[in-house]
N, C-alpha and C. Protein backbone atom coordinates (compact mmCIF):
# COMPACT_ATOMS: atom_id res chain seq x y z
N UNK A 1 45.01 -51.27 -63.00
CA UNK A 1 43.93 -51.00 -63.92
C UNK A 1 44.54 -50.70 -65.30
N UNK A 2 44.09 -51.45 -66.30
CA UNK A 2 44.62 -51.32 -67.66
C UNK A 2 44.45 -49.90 -68.19
N UNK A 3 43.29 -49.30 -67.91
CA UNK A 3 43.02 -47.95 -68.43
C UNK A 3 44.14 -46.97 -68.06
N UNK A 4 44.56 -47.02 -66.81
CA UNK A 4 45.59 -46.07 -66.36
C UNK A 4 46.94 -46.36 -66.98
N UNK A 5 47.26 -47.63 -67.22
CA UNK A 5 48.51 -47.96 -67.91
C UNK A 5 48.48 -47.44 -69.34
N UNK A 6 47.36 -47.62 -70.02
CA UNK A 6 47.24 -47.09 -71.38
C UNK A 6 47.29 -45.56 -71.36
N UNK A 7 46.66 -44.95 -70.35
CA UNK A 7 46.70 -43.49 -70.21
C UNK A 7 48.13 -43.01 -70.06
N UNK A 8 48.92 -43.68 -69.24
CA UNK A 8 50.32 -43.27 -69.03
C UNK A 8 51.12 -43.37 -70.32
N UNK A 9 50.87 -44.42 -71.11
CA UNK A 9 51.55 -44.55 -72.41
C UNK A 9 51.14 -43.40 -73.34
N UNK A 10 49.84 -43.12 -73.40
CA UNK A 10 49.34 -42.04 -74.25
C UNK A 10 49.89 -40.69 -73.80
N UNK A 11 50.01 -40.51 -72.48
CA UNK A 11 50.51 -39.25 -71.94
C UNK A 11 51.97 -39.05 -72.34
N UNK A 12 52.79 -40.10 -72.20
CA UNK A 12 54.21 -39.99 -72.60
C UNK A 12 54.31 -39.65 -74.09
N UNK A 13 53.49 -40.30 -74.90
CA UNK A 13 53.50 -40.04 -76.33
C UNK A 13 53.06 -38.60 -76.64
N UNK A 14 52.01 -38.14 -75.98
CA UNK A 14 51.53 -36.77 -76.20
C UNK A 14 52.58 -35.75 -75.79
N UNK A 15 53.27 -36.04 -74.70
CA UNK A 15 54.32 -35.13 -74.22
C UNK A 15 55.44 -35.01 -75.26
N UNK A 16 55.81 -36.15 -75.85
CA UNK A 16 56.86 -36.17 -76.88
C UNK A 16 56.43 -35.47 -78.16
N UNK A 17 55.16 -35.68 -78.55
CA UNK A 17 54.71 -35.24 -79.86
C UNK A 17 54.03 -33.88 -79.88
N UNK A 18 53.78 -33.29 -78.73
CA UNK A 18 53.11 -31.99 -78.68
C UNK A 18 54.12 -30.91 -79.08
N UNK A 19 53.90 -30.29 -80.21
CA UNK A 19 54.83 -29.28 -80.74
C UNK A 19 54.31 -27.86 -80.52
N UNK A 20 53.45 -27.67 -79.52
CA UNK A 20 52.92 -26.34 -79.24
C UNK A 20 54.05 -25.38 -78.87
N UNK A 21 53.87 -24.13 -79.28
CA UNK A 21 54.84 -23.09 -78.93
C UNK A 21 54.74 -22.83 -77.44
N UNK A 22 55.87 -22.97 -76.74
CA UNK A 22 55.89 -22.74 -75.29
C UNK A 22 56.74 -21.52 -75.00
N UNK A 23 56.16 -20.58 -74.33
CA UNK A 23 56.89 -19.38 -73.92
C UNK A 23 56.02 -18.61 -72.96
N UNK A 24 56.66 -17.93 -72.04
CA UNK A 24 55.86 -17.09 -71.15
C UNK A 24 55.91 -15.66 -71.66
N UNK A 25 54.81 -14.99 -71.50
CA UNK A 25 54.75 -13.58 -71.87
C UNK A 25 54.55 -12.79 -70.57
N UNK A 26 54.79 -11.50 -70.59
CA UNK A 26 54.52 -10.72 -69.38
C UNK A 26 53.06 -10.88 -68.96
N UNK A 27 52.83 -11.03 -67.67
CA UNK A 27 51.48 -11.24 -67.15
C UNK A 27 50.51 -10.16 -67.64
N UNK A 28 50.98 -8.92 -67.70
CA UNK A 28 50.12 -7.82 -68.10
C UNK A 28 49.59 -8.02 -69.53
N UNK A 29 50.36 -8.69 -70.38
CA UNK A 29 49.94 -8.91 -71.77
C UNK A 29 49.05 -10.14 -71.92
N UNK A 30 49.04 -11.00 -70.93
CA UNK A 30 48.24 -12.23 -71.02
C UNK A 30 46.76 -11.89 -71.08
N UNK A 31 46.05 -12.61 -71.92
CA UNK A 31 44.61 -12.39 -72.06
C UNK A 31 43.81 -13.60 -71.59
N UNK A 32 44.28 -14.81 -71.92
CA UNK A 32 43.50 -16.00 -71.58
C UNK A 32 44.24 -16.87 -70.57
N UNK A 33 43.51 -17.28 -69.56
CA UNK A 33 44.07 -18.09 -68.48
C UNK A 33 43.22 -19.35 -68.34
N UNK A 34 43.89 -20.48 -68.20
CA UNK A 34 43.19 -21.73 -67.92
C UNK A 34 43.53 -22.18 -66.50
N UNK A 35 42.56 -22.79 -65.84
CA UNK A 35 42.78 -23.37 -64.52
C UNK A 35 42.26 -24.79 -64.56
N UNK A 36 43.11 -25.72 -64.14
CA UNK A 36 42.70 -27.12 -64.06
C UNK A 36 43.01 -27.61 -62.65
N UNK A 37 42.11 -28.41 -62.09
CA UNK A 37 42.33 -28.89 -60.73
C UNK A 37 41.49 -30.13 -60.45
N UNK A 38 41.85 -30.82 -59.38
CA UNK A 38 41.11 -31.98 -58.90
C UNK A 38 40.22 -31.52 -57.74
N UNK A 39 38.95 -31.88 -57.79
CA UNK A 39 38.02 -31.53 -56.72
C UNK A 39 38.44 -32.25 -55.45
N UNK A 40 38.55 -31.50 -54.35
CA UNK A 40 38.90 -32.09 -53.06
C UNK A 40 37.87 -31.75 -52.00
N UNK A 41 37.70 -30.46 -51.73
CA UNK A 41 36.77 -30.05 -50.67
C UNK A 41 36.25 -28.65 -50.95
N UNK A 42 35.32 -28.20 -50.12
CA UNK A 42 34.69 -26.90 -50.30
C UNK A 42 35.70 -25.76 -50.19
N UNK A 43 36.69 -25.91 -49.30
CA UNK A 43 37.70 -24.85 -49.13
C UNK A 43 38.49 -24.64 -50.42
N UNK A 44 38.92 -25.72 -51.07
CA UNK A 44 39.66 -25.60 -52.33
C UNK A 44 38.78 -24.93 -53.39
N UNK A 45 37.52 -25.33 -53.43
CA UNK A 45 36.57 -24.75 -54.38
C UNK A 45 36.47 -23.23 -54.17
N UNK A 46 36.35 -22.82 -52.92
CA UNK A 46 36.24 -21.39 -52.61
C UNK A 46 37.54 -20.65 -52.94
N UNK A 47 38.69 -21.28 -52.67
CA UNK A 47 39.98 -20.67 -52.99
C UNK A 47 40.12 -20.45 -54.49
N UNK A 48 39.67 -21.40 -55.28
CA UNK A 48 39.76 -21.28 -56.74
C UNK A 48 38.79 -20.22 -57.25
N UNK A 49 37.60 -20.15 -56.67
CA UNK A 49 36.65 -19.09 -57.06
C UNK A 49 37.26 -17.72 -56.79
N UNK A 50 37.92 -17.55 -55.65
CA UNK A 50 38.56 -16.27 -55.32
C UNK A 50 39.68 -15.96 -56.31
N UNK A 51 40.44 -16.98 -56.71
CA UNK A 51 41.53 -16.81 -57.69
C UNK A 51 40.96 -16.36 -59.04
N UNK A 52 39.88 -16.99 -59.46
CA UNK A 52 39.23 -16.62 -60.72
C UNK A 52 38.80 -15.16 -60.67
N UNK A 53 38.19 -14.77 -59.56
CA UNK A 53 37.74 -13.38 -59.39
C UNK A 53 38.93 -12.42 -59.50
N UNK A 54 40.05 -12.80 -58.88
CA UNK A 54 41.26 -11.98 -58.92
C UNK A 54 41.76 -11.83 -60.36
N UNK A 55 41.80 -12.93 -61.10
CA UNK A 55 42.26 -12.91 -62.49
C UNK A 55 41.32 -12.07 -63.36
N UNK A 56 40.02 -12.26 -63.17
CA UNK A 56 39.05 -11.49 -63.96
C UNK A 56 39.14 -10.00 -63.62
N UNK A 57 39.41 -9.69 -62.37
CA UNK A 57 39.61 -8.30 -61.96
C UNK A 57 40.82 -7.69 -62.69
N UNK A 58 41.82 -8.53 -62.99
CA UNK A 58 43.00 -8.10 -63.75
C UNK A 58 42.71 -8.02 -65.25
N UNK A 59 41.48 -8.32 -65.66
CA UNK A 59 41.10 -8.24 -67.07
C UNK A 59 41.37 -9.49 -67.87
N UNK A 60 41.58 -10.63 -67.21
CA UNK A 60 41.87 -11.88 -67.90
C UNK A 60 40.59 -12.67 -68.16
N UNK A 61 40.57 -13.37 -69.29
CA UNK A 61 39.47 -14.28 -69.61
C UNK A 61 39.86 -15.65 -69.06
N UNK A 62 39.03 -16.22 -68.18
CA UNK A 62 39.40 -17.44 -67.47
C UNK A 62 38.45 -18.59 -67.83
N UNK A 63 39.06 -19.75 -68.13
CA UNK A 63 38.30 -20.98 -68.32
C UNK A 63 38.80 -21.99 -67.30
N UNK A 64 37.87 -22.79 -66.78
CA UNK A 64 38.20 -23.73 -65.71
C UNK A 64 37.73 -25.13 -66.09
N UNK A 65 38.56 -26.12 -65.76
CA UNK A 65 38.19 -27.53 -65.93
C UNK A 65 38.57 -28.25 -64.65
N UNK A 66 37.62 -29.03 -64.12
CA UNK A 66 37.91 -29.78 -62.91
C UNK A 66 37.78 -31.27 -63.15
N UNK A 67 38.64 -32.03 -62.46
CA UNK A 67 38.51 -33.48 -62.44
C UNK A 67 37.72 -33.83 -61.19
N UNK A 68 36.62 -34.53 -61.37
CA UNK A 68 35.73 -34.89 -60.27
C UNK A 68 35.92 -36.37 -59.92
N UNK A 69 36.69 -36.65 -58.86
CA UNK A 69 36.86 -38.06 -58.46
C UNK A 69 35.55 -38.64 -57.93
N UNK A 70 35.48 -39.96 -57.91
CA UNK A 70 34.30 -40.64 -57.34
C UNK A 70 34.14 -40.23 -55.88
N UNK A 71 32.90 -40.13 -55.46
CA UNK A 71 32.54 -39.82 -54.08
C UNK A 71 32.95 -38.42 -53.64
N UNK A 72 33.17 -37.53 -54.59
CA UNK A 72 33.43 -36.12 -54.27
C UNK A 72 32.25 -35.30 -54.76
N UNK A 73 31.96 -34.22 -54.06
CA UNK A 73 30.83 -33.37 -54.42
C UNK A 73 31.28 -32.30 -55.41
N UNK A 74 30.46 -32.09 -56.44
CA UNK A 74 30.73 -31.03 -57.41
C UNK A 74 30.03 -29.76 -56.92
N UNK A 75 30.74 -28.97 -56.15
CA UNK A 75 30.17 -27.78 -55.52
C UNK A 75 29.68 -26.78 -56.55
N UNK A 76 28.42 -26.44 -56.46
CA UNK A 76 27.78 -25.39 -57.25
C UNK A 76 27.72 -25.67 -58.76
N UNK A 77 28.37 -26.71 -59.24
CA UNK A 77 28.39 -27.02 -60.68
C UNK A 77 28.76 -25.80 -61.52
N UNK A 78 29.76 -25.05 -61.07
CA UNK A 78 30.18 -23.83 -61.76
C UNK A 78 31.07 -24.11 -62.97
N UNK A 79 31.83 -25.19 -62.91
CA UNK A 79 32.89 -25.40 -63.90
C UNK A 79 32.63 -26.64 -64.75
N UNK A 80 33.22 -26.63 -65.97
CA UNK A 80 33.23 -27.85 -66.76
C UNK A 80 34.02 -28.89 -65.99
N UNK A 81 33.63 -30.15 -66.11
CA UNK A 81 34.35 -31.19 -65.39
C UNK A 81 34.39 -32.49 -66.19
N UNK A 82 35.29 -33.36 -65.78
CA UNK A 82 35.35 -34.71 -66.34
C UNK A 82 35.60 -35.67 -65.18
N UNK A 83 35.31 -36.95 -65.43
CA UNK A 83 35.43 -37.97 -64.38
C UNK A 83 36.23 -39.16 -64.92
N UNK A 84 36.50 -40.11 -64.06
CA UNK A 84 37.19 -41.35 -64.46
C UNK A 84 36.37 -42.10 -65.51
N UNK A 85 35.06 -41.89 -65.51
CA UNK A 85 34.18 -42.53 -66.50
C UNK A 85 34.48 -42.04 -67.91
N UNK A 86 35.12 -40.87 -68.03
CA UNK A 86 35.48 -40.33 -69.34
C UNK A 86 36.77 -40.93 -69.90
N UNK A 87 37.38 -41.84 -69.14
CA UNK A 87 38.61 -42.50 -69.58
C UNK A 87 38.23 -43.81 -70.26
N UNK A 88 38.60 -43.93 -71.54
CA UNK A 88 38.28 -45.16 -72.28
C UNK A 88 39.21 -46.29 -71.83
N UNK A 89 38.87 -47.50 -72.21
CA UNK A 89 39.70 -48.65 -71.90
C UNK A 89 41.12 -48.45 -72.43
N UNK A 90 41.22 -47.79 -73.59
CA UNK A 90 42.53 -47.60 -74.23
C UNK A 90 43.27 -46.36 -73.73
N UNK A 91 42.76 -45.73 -72.70
CA UNK A 91 43.51 -44.65 -72.08
C UNK A 91 43.33 -43.28 -72.68
N UNK A 92 42.28 -43.10 -73.49
CA UNK A 92 42.04 -41.75 -74.01
C UNK A 92 40.85 -41.14 -73.27
N UNK A 93 40.90 -39.84 -73.13
CA UNK A 93 39.86 -39.13 -72.39
C UNK A 93 38.78 -38.70 -73.37
N UNK A 94 37.59 -39.20 -73.14
CA UNK A 94 36.46 -38.95 -74.04
C UNK A 94 35.50 -37.94 -73.41
N UNK A 95 35.96 -36.72 -73.30
CA UNK A 95 35.15 -35.65 -72.74
C UNK A 95 35.29 -34.45 -73.65
N UNK A 96 34.16 -33.96 -74.17
CA UNK A 96 34.21 -32.80 -75.06
C UNK A 96 34.79 -31.59 -74.37
N UNK A 97 34.40 -31.38 -73.11
CA UNK A 97 34.91 -30.20 -72.40
C UNK A 97 36.42 -30.32 -72.16
N UNK A 98 36.92 -31.53 -71.86
CA UNK A 98 38.37 -31.72 -71.66
C UNK A 98 39.11 -31.51 -72.98
N UNK A 99 38.55 -32.00 -74.08
CA UNK A 99 39.18 -31.83 -75.39
C UNK A 99 39.24 -30.36 -75.77
N UNK A 100 38.13 -29.65 -75.61
CA UNK A 100 38.12 -28.20 -75.91
C UNK A 100 39.15 -27.47 -75.06
N UNK A 101 39.24 -27.87 -73.79
CA UNK A 101 40.18 -27.22 -72.87
C UNK A 101 41.62 -27.41 -73.33
N UNK A 102 41.99 -28.64 -73.71
CA UNK A 102 43.38 -28.89 -74.13
C UNK A 102 43.70 -28.21 -75.46
N UNK A 103 42.70 -27.98 -76.29
CA UNK A 103 42.92 -27.35 -77.59
C UNK A 103 43.04 -25.82 -77.48
N UNK A 104 42.71 -25.26 -76.34
CA UNK A 104 42.75 -23.80 -76.16
C UNK A 104 44.18 -23.34 -75.89
N UNK A 105 44.68 -22.39 -76.69
CA UNK A 105 46.06 -21.90 -76.49
C UNK A 105 46.13 -20.81 -75.41
N UNK A 106 45.90 -21.20 -74.16
CA UNK A 106 45.95 -20.25 -73.05
C UNK A 106 47.32 -19.59 -72.99
N UNK A 107 47.35 -18.34 -72.55
CA UNK A 107 48.63 -17.68 -72.28
C UNK A 107 49.28 -18.33 -71.06
N UNK A 108 48.46 -18.62 -70.04
CA UNK A 108 48.92 -19.34 -68.85
C UNK A 108 47.89 -20.40 -68.50
N UNK A 109 48.37 -21.57 -68.11
CA UNK A 109 47.50 -22.64 -67.62
C UNK A 109 48.00 -23.03 -66.24
N UNK A 110 47.15 -22.81 -65.23
CA UNK A 110 47.50 -23.12 -63.84
C UNK A 110 46.93 -24.48 -63.45
N UNK A 111 47.80 -25.36 -62.97
CA UNK A 111 47.35 -26.62 -62.40
C UNK A 111 47.35 -26.43 -60.88
N UNK A 112 46.15 -26.36 -60.30
CA UNK A 112 46.02 -26.05 -58.86
C UNK A 112 45.85 -27.36 -58.08
N UNK A 113 46.84 -28.20 -58.14
CA UNK A 113 46.83 -29.46 -57.37
C UNK A 113 48.14 -29.57 -56.61
N UNK A 114 48.05 -29.98 -55.35
CA UNK A 114 49.27 -30.19 -54.58
C UNK A 114 49.80 -31.60 -54.81
N UNK A 115 48.93 -32.52 -55.22
CA UNK A 115 49.34 -33.89 -55.57
C UNK A 115 48.94 -34.15 -57.02
N UNK A 116 49.80 -34.82 -57.77
CA UNK A 116 49.50 -35.03 -59.18
C UNK A 116 48.45 -36.13 -59.37
N UNK A 117 47.80 -36.07 -60.51
CA UNK A 117 46.82 -37.08 -60.88
C UNK A 117 47.07 -37.45 -62.35
N UNK A 118 47.09 -38.74 -62.67
CA UNK A 118 47.42 -39.15 -64.05
C UNK A 118 46.50 -38.57 -65.13
N UNK A 119 45.22 -38.38 -64.84
CA UNK A 119 44.33 -37.81 -65.84
C UNK A 119 44.66 -36.34 -66.11
N UNK A 120 44.99 -35.60 -65.05
CA UNK A 120 45.38 -34.19 -65.22
C UNK A 120 46.69 -34.12 -66.00
N UNK A 121 47.65 -34.98 -65.66
CA UNK A 121 48.93 -34.98 -66.39
C UNK A 121 48.70 -35.28 -67.87
N UNK A 122 47.77 -36.18 -68.15
CA UNK A 122 47.43 -36.50 -69.55
C UNK A 122 46.94 -35.28 -70.30
N UNK A 123 46.11 -34.49 -69.64
CA UNK A 123 45.61 -33.26 -70.28
C UNK A 123 46.70 -32.21 -70.41
N UNK A 124 47.54 -32.10 -69.39
CA UNK A 124 48.66 -31.14 -69.47
C UNK A 124 49.60 -31.50 -70.63
N UNK A 125 49.82 -32.79 -70.85
CA UNK A 125 50.70 -33.23 -71.93
C UNK A 125 50.12 -32.85 -73.29
N UNK A 126 48.81 -32.86 -73.43
CA UNK A 126 48.15 -32.54 -74.69
C UNK A 126 47.87 -31.05 -74.87
N UNK A 127 47.98 -30.30 -73.80
CA UNK A 127 47.58 -28.89 -73.79
C UNK A 127 48.35 -28.05 -74.81
N UNK A 128 47.62 -27.11 -75.39
CA UNK A 128 48.22 -26.15 -76.34
C UNK A 128 48.59 -24.84 -75.62
N UNK A 129 48.50 -24.83 -74.29
CA UNK A 129 48.83 -23.62 -73.51
C UNK A 129 50.28 -23.23 -73.74
N UNK A 130 50.53 -21.93 -73.73
CA UNK A 130 51.89 -21.43 -73.96
C UNK A 130 52.78 -21.60 -72.73
N UNK A 131 52.21 -21.40 -71.54
CA UNK A 131 53.00 -21.53 -70.32
C UNK A 131 52.16 -22.26 -69.27
N UNK A 132 52.58 -23.47 -68.96
CA UNK A 132 51.87 -24.29 -67.96
C UNK A 132 52.56 -24.10 -66.62
N UNK A 133 51.77 -23.75 -65.60
CA UNK A 133 52.29 -23.43 -64.27
C UNK A 133 51.77 -24.46 -63.28
N UNK A 134 52.68 -25.02 -62.47
CA UNK A 134 52.26 -26.01 -61.49
C UNK A 134 53.19 -26.06 -60.29
N UNK A 135 52.83 -26.88 -59.34
CA UNK A 135 53.63 -27.06 -58.13
C UNK A 135 54.88 -27.85 -58.48
N UNK A 136 56.01 -27.46 -57.90
CA UNK A 136 57.27 -28.12 -58.20
C UNK A 136 57.24 -29.58 -57.76
N UNK A 137 57.59 -30.44 -58.70
CA UNK A 137 57.74 -31.87 -58.47
C UNK A 137 58.66 -32.35 -59.59
N UNK A 138 59.90 -32.65 -59.26
CA UNK A 138 60.93 -32.94 -60.27
C UNK A 138 60.47 -33.89 -61.38
N UNK A 139 59.85 -35.05 -61.07
CA UNK A 139 59.46 -35.96 -62.16
C UNK A 139 58.43 -35.37 -63.13
N UNK A 140 57.73 -34.32 -62.70
CA UNK A 140 56.70 -33.73 -63.56
C UNK A 140 57.19 -32.51 -64.33
N UNK A 141 58.49 -32.21 -64.25
CA UNK A 141 58.99 -31.00 -64.91
C UNK A 141 58.71 -30.95 -66.42
N UNK A 142 58.63 -32.06 -67.16
CA UNK A 142 58.31 -31.94 -68.59
C UNK A 142 56.90 -31.41 -68.87
N UNK A 143 56.03 -31.41 -67.87
CA UNK A 143 54.65 -30.97 -68.07
C UNK A 143 54.47 -29.47 -67.87
N UNK A 144 55.51 -28.81 -67.38
CA UNK A 144 55.38 -27.40 -67.01
C UNK A 144 56.54 -26.57 -67.54
N UNK A 145 56.23 -25.31 -67.81
CA UNK A 145 57.27 -24.35 -68.16
C UNK A 145 57.69 -23.56 -66.92
N UNK A 146 56.81 -23.53 -65.93
CA UNK A 146 57.03 -22.72 -64.73
C UNK A 146 56.52 -23.51 -63.54
N UNK A 147 57.42 -23.82 -62.60
CA UNK A 147 57.03 -24.60 -61.42
C UNK A 147 57.31 -23.80 -60.16
N UNK A 148 56.41 -23.93 -59.21
CA UNK A 148 56.47 -23.18 -57.96
C UNK A 148 56.75 -24.13 -56.81
N UNK A 149 57.79 -23.83 -56.04
CA UNK A 149 58.11 -24.61 -54.84
C UNK A 149 57.22 -24.07 -53.72
N UNK A 150 56.32 -24.91 -53.23
CA UNK A 150 55.40 -24.45 -52.20
C UNK A 150 54.83 -25.66 -51.48
N UNK A 151 55.03 -25.72 -50.17
CA UNK A 151 54.49 -26.82 -49.38
C UNK A 151 53.54 -26.24 -48.35
N UNK A 152 52.30 -26.22 -48.67
CA UNK A 152 51.32 -25.65 -47.75
C UNK A 152 49.92 -25.90 -48.27
N UNK A 153 49.07 -24.94 -48.05
CA UNK A 153 47.66 -25.08 -48.44
C UNK A 153 47.48 -24.78 -49.93
N UNK A 154 46.29 -25.11 -50.42
CA UNK A 154 45.94 -24.76 -51.79
C UNK A 154 45.97 -23.24 -51.96
N UNK A 155 45.45 -22.53 -50.97
CA UNK A 155 45.45 -21.07 -51.03
C UNK A 155 46.88 -20.53 -51.11
N UNK A 156 47.79 -21.14 -50.34
CA UNK A 156 49.19 -20.74 -50.39
C UNK A 156 49.79 -20.98 -51.77
N UNK A 157 49.45 -22.12 -52.38
CA UNK A 157 49.93 -22.43 -53.73
C UNK A 157 49.41 -21.41 -54.73
N UNK A 158 48.12 -21.13 -54.65
CA UNK A 158 47.51 -20.15 -55.56
C UNK A 158 48.17 -18.78 -55.40
N UNK A 159 48.31 -18.35 -54.15
CA UNK A 159 48.90 -17.02 -53.89
C UNK A 159 50.33 -16.94 -54.42
N UNK A 160 51.11 -18.01 -54.23
CA UNK A 160 52.50 -18.02 -54.70
C UNK A 160 52.56 -18.05 -56.22
N UNK A 161 51.69 -18.85 -56.86
CA UNK A 161 51.65 -18.88 -58.32
C UNK A 161 51.30 -17.50 -58.87
N UNK A 162 50.30 -16.88 -58.28
CA UNK A 162 49.86 -15.56 -58.74
C UNK A 162 50.98 -14.53 -58.57
N UNK A 163 51.60 -14.54 -57.41
CA UNK A 163 52.68 -13.58 -57.12
C UNK A 163 53.80 -13.68 -58.15
N UNK A 164 54.28 -14.90 -58.42
CA UNK A 164 55.42 -15.04 -59.32
C UNK A 164 55.04 -14.88 -60.78
N UNK A 165 53.83 -15.27 -61.14
CA UNK A 165 53.40 -15.09 -62.53
C UNK A 165 53.24 -13.60 -62.83
N UNK A 166 52.74 -12.84 -61.87
CA UNK A 166 52.59 -11.39 -62.07
C UNK A 166 53.93 -10.70 -62.25
N UNK A 167 54.99 -11.30 -61.75
CA UNK A 167 56.33 -10.71 -61.86
C UNK A 167 56.99 -10.98 -63.21
N UNK A 168 56.41 -11.85 -64.02
CA UNK A 168 57.00 -12.14 -65.33
C UNK A 168 56.94 -10.88 -66.19
N UNK A 169 58.07 -10.55 -66.77
CA UNK A 169 58.17 -9.35 -67.60
C UNK A 169 58.58 -9.71 -69.01
């Protein structure tokens, strides 16, 4: 599909040209948190809702963006979302909510996906977040400042990300 090839080119370019300040701050000082993920099933949705509650309980302001693949259900319509339909022929994402999300300078941005998706990587490349946190995958290391080695459930990934991010001093 041409769109995805153009997206990959745009993503590489955005990764090279994004001059956002990248640094992690102590978790206690963090105020704004972003969460981005691909919709999979009700369990993942519930795990992310619990994570948001945990972060808000810690006093963090949380914004969420989900990628909604075709034939997947958007549970409860709680979060801003974008779809493959928001990808132009030339590989740019034409979604106001996705654009606002990438322009937000989050203290931490969590990518809660166990498998990568080119549209999510495109947004991570453009993101103004200070510290992008994701699952360890060597080829994707340029997209993250902090990667977590974890092979298990989404809940396990979330718990491990939370545990290690809280330890940042």
